[in-house]
């Protein structure tokens, strides 16, 4: 696999990024570099709670440092658009411990 861990195929697609501190950020991948720093457009953070539905905090154009990224995943936009996030309940993710 080339550097960038296959992110080339995800440019201009909606992705989900889980950060080391447990945040879930969703947005359109616009670019990345050799350190896996990523640039997301139209991004928002999904904040999970066991008491209320998922909150979506608008971030807009957003840069995430590569050393703060735990997981990058492709998002199925059709499936995602059919979810009612206001009814989902979940524990927030805990930070990654190295």
N, C-alpha and C. Protein backbone atom coordinates (compact mmCIF):
# COMPACT_ATOMS: atom_id res chain seq x y z
N UNK A 1 0.84 -1.18 0.00
CA UNK A 1 0.00 0.00 0.00
C UNK A 1 0.88 1.24 0.00
N UNK A 2 0.43 2.28 -0.63
CA UNK A 2 1.21 3.51 -0.70
C UNK A 2 1.04 4.32 0.57
N UNK A 3 1.90 5.35 0.72
CA UNK A 3 1.73 6.24 1.87
C UNK A 3 0.38 6.91 1.77
N UNK A 4 -0.22 7.24 2.90
CA UNK A 4 -1.57 7.78 2.91
C UNK A 4 -2.58 6.68 3.18
N UNK A 5 -2.11 5.44 3.27
CA UNK A 5 -2.92 4.30 3.66
C UNK A 5 -4.19 4.14 2.83
N UNK A 6 -4.12 4.44 1.54
CA UNK A 6 -5.27 4.24 0.67
C UNK A 6 -6.29 5.36 0.73
N UNK A 7 -5.94 6.48 1.31
CA UNK A 7 -6.89 7.59 1.40
C UNK A 7 -7.17 8.22 0.04
N UNK A 8 -6.29 7.96 -0.94
CA UNK A 8 -6.50 8.54 -2.27
C UNK A 8 -7.88 8.21 -2.82
N UNK A 9 -8.33 6.98 -2.57
CA UNK A 9 -9.62 6.54 -3.11
C UNK A 9 -10.81 7.17 -2.39
N UNK A 10 -10.57 7.83 -1.26
CA UNK A 10 -11.65 8.42 -0.48
C UNK A 10 -11.79 9.93 -0.67
N UNK A 11 -10.89 10.53 -1.45
CA UNK A 11 -10.97 11.98 -1.68
C UNK A 11 -12.31 12.33 -2.33
N UNK A 12 -12.93 13.38 -1.84
CA UNK A 12 -14.25 13.87 -2.28
C UNK A 12 -15.40 12.94 -1.87
N UNK A 13 -15.14 12.03 -0.95
CA UNK A 13 -16.19 11.17 -0.41
C UNK A 13 -16.38 11.48 1.07
N UNK A 14 -17.56 11.17 1.59
CA UNK A 14 -17.84 11.38 3.01
C UNK A 14 -17.20 10.27 3.82
N UNK A 15 -16.44 10.69 4.84
CA UNK A 15 -15.76 9.73 5.72
C UNK A 15 -16.09 10.04 7.17
N UNK A 16 -15.82 9.08 8.02
CA UNK A 16 -15.94 9.24 9.46
C UNK A 16 -14.55 9.05 10.06
N UNK A 17 -14.16 9.98 10.93
CA UNK A 17 -12.86 9.90 11.58
C UNK A 17 -13.08 9.80 13.09
N UNK A 18 -12.50 8.78 13.70
CA UNK A 18 -12.51 8.65 15.15
C UNK A 18 -11.14 9.11 15.63
N UNK A 19 -11.12 10.09 16.51
CA UNK A 19 -9.86 10.63 17.00
C UNK A 19 -9.42 9.91 18.28
N UNK A 20 -8.16 10.11 18.65
CA UNK A 20 -7.62 9.46 19.84
C UNK A 20 -8.35 9.87 21.11
N UNK A 21 -8.96 11.07 21.10
CA UNK A 21 -9.69 11.51 22.29
C UNK A 21 -11.17 11.10 22.25
N UNK A 22 -11.55 10.25 21.28
CA UNK A 22 -12.88 9.67 21.25
C UNK A 22 -13.92 10.47 20.49
N UNK A 23 -13.51 11.48 19.75
CA UNK A 23 -14.46 12.27 18.97
C UNK A 23 -14.76 11.56 17.65
N UNK A 24 -15.99 11.73 17.15
CA UNK A 24 -16.40 11.18 15.85
C UNK A 24 -16.72 12.36 14.95
N UNK A 25 -15.87 12.58 13.95
CA UNK A 25 -16.03 13.71 13.04
C UNK A 25 -16.33 13.17 11.65
N UNK A 26 -17.41 13.67 11.05
CA UNK A 26 -17.87 13.24 9.74
C UNK A 26 -17.75 14.41 8.78
N UNK A 27 -17.20 14.16 7.59
CA UNK A 27 -17.09 15.22 6.60
C UNK A 27 -16.58 14.68 5.28
N UNK A 28 -16.47 15.57 4.31
CA UNK A 28 -15.99 15.21 2.97
C UNK A 28 -14.47 15.38 2.95
N UNK A 29 -13.76 14.30 2.64
CA UNK A 29 -12.30 14.35 2.58
C UNK A 29 -11.86 15.18 1.39
N UNK A 30 -11.14 16.26 1.65
CA UNK A 30 -10.67 17.12 0.58
C UNK A 30 -9.18 16.94 0.31
N UNK A 31 -8.44 16.46 1.29
CA UNK A 31 -7.01 16.26 1.07
C UNK A 31 -6.36 15.65 2.30
N UNK A 32 -5.11 15.22 2.10
CA UNK A 32 -4.30 14.64 3.18
C UNK A 32 -2.85 14.75 2.78
N UNK A 33 -1.96 14.52 3.72
CA UNK A 33 -0.53 14.58 3.40
C UNK A 33 0.18 13.33 3.92
N UNK A 34 1.52 13.33 3.80
CA UNK A 34 2.31 12.16 4.16
C UNK A 34 2.24 11.83 5.66
N UNK A 35 1.85 12.80 6.49
CA UNK A 35 1.70 12.56 7.92
C UNK A 35 0.27 12.17 8.28
N UNK A 36 -0.56 11.94 7.27
CA UNK A 36 -1.97 11.59 7.39
C UNK A 36 -2.78 12.69 8.09
N UNK A 37 -2.31 13.94 8.01
CA UNK A 37 -3.16 15.06 8.39
C UNK A 37 -4.26 15.10 7.34
N UNK A 38 -5.51 15.30 7.76
CA UNK A 38 -6.61 15.30 6.81
C UNK A 38 -7.37 16.63 6.84
N UNK A 39 -7.90 17.00 5.68
CA UNK A 39 -8.74 18.19 5.55
C UNK A 39 -10.14 17.71 5.20
N UNK A 40 -11.09 18.09 6.05
CA UNK A 40 -12.49 17.73 5.84
C UNK A 40 -13.29 18.99 5.56
N UNK A 41 -14.23 18.91 4.62
CA UNK A 41 -15.15 20.01 4.33
C UNK A 41 -16.55 19.57 4.73
N UNK A 42 -17.42 20.53 4.99
CA UNK A 42 -18.80 20.24 5.37
C UNK A 42 -18.83 19.27 6.55
N UNK A 43 -17.94 19.47 7.51
CA UNK A 43 -17.80 18.51 8.59
C UNK A 43 -18.65 18.87 9.81
N UNK A 44 -18.92 17.84 10.59
CA UNK A 44 -19.62 18.01 11.85
C UNK A 44 -19.16 16.92 12.81
N UNK A 45 -19.24 17.23 14.09
CA UNK A 45 -18.90 16.25 15.12
C UNK A 45 -20.19 15.65 15.63
N UNK A 46 -20.20 14.34 15.77
CA UNK A 46 -21.35 13.64 16.34
C UNK A 46 -21.04 13.35 17.81
N UNK A 47 -21.88 13.89 18.68
CA UNK A 47 -21.69 13.73 20.12
C UNK A 47 -22.77 12.77 20.63
N UNK A 48 -22.33 11.64 21.13
CA UNK A 48 -23.24 10.59 21.58
C UNK A 48 -23.53 10.74 23.07
N UNK A 49 -24.75 10.32 23.45
CA UNK A 49 -25.18 10.43 24.84
C UNK A 49 -26.14 9.29 25.13
N UNK A 50 -26.16 8.83 26.38
CA UNK A 50 -27.11 7.79 26.77
C UNK A 50 -28.47 8.38 27.15
N UNK A 51 -28.52 9.71 27.31
CA UNK A 51 -29.76 10.36 27.76
C UNK A 51 -30.54 11.04 26.66
N UNK A 52 -29.86 11.48 25.62
CA UNK A 52 -30.55 12.17 24.52
C UNK A 52 -29.95 11.73 23.20
N UNK A 53 -30.58 12.12 22.11
CA UNK A 53 -30.11 11.72 20.79
C UNK A 53 -28.74 12.29 20.46
N UNK A 54 -28.23 11.88 19.34
CA UNK A 54 -26.91 12.32 18.88
C UNK A 54 -26.97 13.80 18.49
N UNK A 55 -26.09 14.59 19.07
CA UNK A 55 -25.98 16.00 18.69
C UNK A 55 -24.97 16.10 17.56
N UNK A 56 -25.24 16.97 16.60
CA UNK A 56 -24.31 17.21 15.51
C UNK A 56 -23.84 18.66 15.58
N UNK A 57 -22.57 18.84 15.91
CA UNK A 57 -21.99 20.17 16.02
C UNK A 57 -21.30 20.53 14.71
N UNK A 58 -21.76 21.58 14.07
CA UNK A 58 -21.21 21.98 12.77
C UNK A 58 -19.79 22.52 12.96
N UNK A 59 -18.86 21.99 12.16
CA UNK A 59 -17.46 22.42 12.20
C UNK A 59 -17.03 23.12 10.91
N UNK A 60 -17.68 22.79 9.78
CA UNK A 60 -17.31 23.37 8.49
C UNK A 60 -16.01 22.78 7.97
N UNK A 61 -15.13 23.64 7.45
CA UNK A 61 -13.82 23.20 6.98
C UNK A 61 -12.96 22.90 8.20
N UNK A 62 -12.38 21.69 8.26
CA UNK A 62 -11.73 21.25 9.49
C UNK A 62 -10.48 20.43 9.16
N UNK A 63 -9.43 20.68 9.90
CA UNK A 63 -8.16 19.94 9.72
C UNK A 63 -7.92 19.10 10.97
N UNK A 64 -7.59 17.83 10.76
CA UNK A 64 -7.27 16.93 11.87
C UNK A 64 -5.84 16.45 11.70
N UNK A 65 -5.03 16.64 12.74
CA UNK A 65 -3.65 16.16 12.70
C UNK A 65 -3.60 14.64 12.65
N UNK A 66 -2.70 14.15 11.83
CA UNK A 66 -2.58 12.70 11.65
C UNK A 66 -2.27 11.94 12.92
N UNK A 67 -1.49 12.54 13.83
CA UNK A 67 -1.15 11.83 15.07
C UNK A 67 -2.32 11.80 16.05
N UNK A 68 -3.43 12.46 15.71
CA UNK A 68 -4.62 12.43 16.56
C UNK A 68 -5.71 11.53 15.97
N UNK A 69 -5.42 10.87 14.85
CA UNK A 69 -6.42 10.02 14.19
C UNK A 69 -6.25 8.57 14.63
N UNK A 70 -7.35 7.98 15.06
CA UNK A 70 -7.34 6.57 15.45
C UNK A 70 -7.87 5.69 14.32
N UNK A 71 -9.03 6.09 13.73
CA UNK A 71 -9.67 5.31 12.67
C UNK A 71 -10.24 6.24 11.62
N UNK A 72 -10.08 5.86 10.35
CA UNK A 72 -10.74 6.55 9.24
C UNK A 72 -11.58 5.52 8.51
N UNK A 73 -12.85 5.85 8.29
CA UNK A 73 -13.72 4.90 7.60
C UNK A 73 -14.61 5.59 6.59
N UNK A 74 -14.91 4.88 5.52
CA UNK A 74 -15.83 5.37 4.50
C UNK A 74 -17.25 5.31 5.07
N UNK A 75 -18.04 6.34 4.79
CA UNK A 75 -19.41 6.40 5.30
C UNK A 75 -20.37 6.09 4.17
N UNK A 76 -21.29 5.15 4.40
CA UNK A 76 -22.33 4.84 3.43
C UNK A 76 -23.39 5.94 3.55
N UNK A 77 -23.37 6.88 2.62
CA UNK A 77 -24.24 8.06 2.72
C UNK A 77 -25.72 7.69 2.67
N UNK A 78 -26.09 6.70 1.88
CA UNK A 78 -27.50 6.29 1.79
C UNK A 78 -27.97 5.73 3.12
N UNK A 79 -27.19 4.83 3.70
CA UNK A 79 -27.54 4.24 4.99
C UNK A 79 -27.56 5.32 6.07
N UNK A 80 -26.57 6.20 6.05
CA UNK A 80 -26.46 7.26 7.05
C UNK A 80 -27.66 8.21 6.99
N UNK A 81 -28.11 8.53 5.78
CA UNK A 81 -29.24 9.46 5.64
C UNK A 81 -30.55 8.85 6.13
N UNK A 82 -30.62 7.52 6.21
CA UNK A 82 -31.83 6.85 6.70
C UNK A 82 -31.86 6.69 8.22
N UNK A 83 -30.75 7.03 8.89
CA UNK A 83 -30.70 6.93 10.35
C UNK A 83 -31.41 8.12 10.99
N UNK A 84 -32.15 7.87 12.04
CA UNK A 84 -32.74 8.95 12.83
C UNK A 84 -31.84 9.14 14.05
N UNK A 85 -30.88 10.05 13.91
CA UNK A 85 -29.89 10.25 14.97
C UNK A 85 -30.51 10.75 16.26
N UNK A 86 -31.68 11.36 16.19
CA UNK A 86 -32.32 11.89 17.41
C UNK A 86 -32.81 10.77 18.32
N UNK A 87 -32.94 9.56 17.80
CA UNK A 87 -33.41 8.45 18.62
C UNK A 87 -32.28 7.52 19.07
N UNK A 88 -31.08 7.73 18.56
CA UNK A 88 -29.95 6.86 18.93
C UNK A 88 -29.42 7.24 20.30
N UNK A 89 -29.11 6.24 21.10
CA UNK A 89 -28.51 6.43 22.41
C UNK A 89 -27.25 5.57 22.45
N UNK A 90 -26.16 6.16 22.93
CA UNK A 90 -24.91 5.40 23.03
C UNK A 90 -23.98 6.10 24.01
N UNK A 91 -23.11 5.32 24.61
CA UNK A 91 -22.09 5.91 25.48
C UNK A 91 -21.06 6.62 24.61
N UNK A 92 -20.58 7.77 25.04
CA UNK A 92 -19.49 8.42 24.28
C UNK A 92 -18.26 7.51 24.28
N UNK A 93 -17.47 7.60 23.21
CA UNK A 93 -16.25 6.81 23.13
C UNK A 93 -15.23 7.34 24.14
N UNK A 94 -14.47 6.43 24.71
CA UNK A 94 -13.41 6.81 25.64
C UNK A 94 -12.15 7.08 24.84
N UNK A 95 -11.24 7.89 25.37
CA UNK A 95 -9.97 8.15 24.67
C UNK A 95 -9.17 6.86 24.48
N UNK A 96 -8.37 6.83 23.41
CA UNK A 96 -7.48 5.71 23.15
C UNK A 96 -6.29 5.82 24.09
N UNK A 97 -5.96 4.72 24.74
CA UNK A 97 -4.81 4.70 25.65
C UNK A 97 -3.70 3.90 24.98
N UNK A 98 -2.56 4.54 24.77
CA UNK A 98 -1.43 3.87 24.11
C UNK A 98 -0.52 3.23 25.12
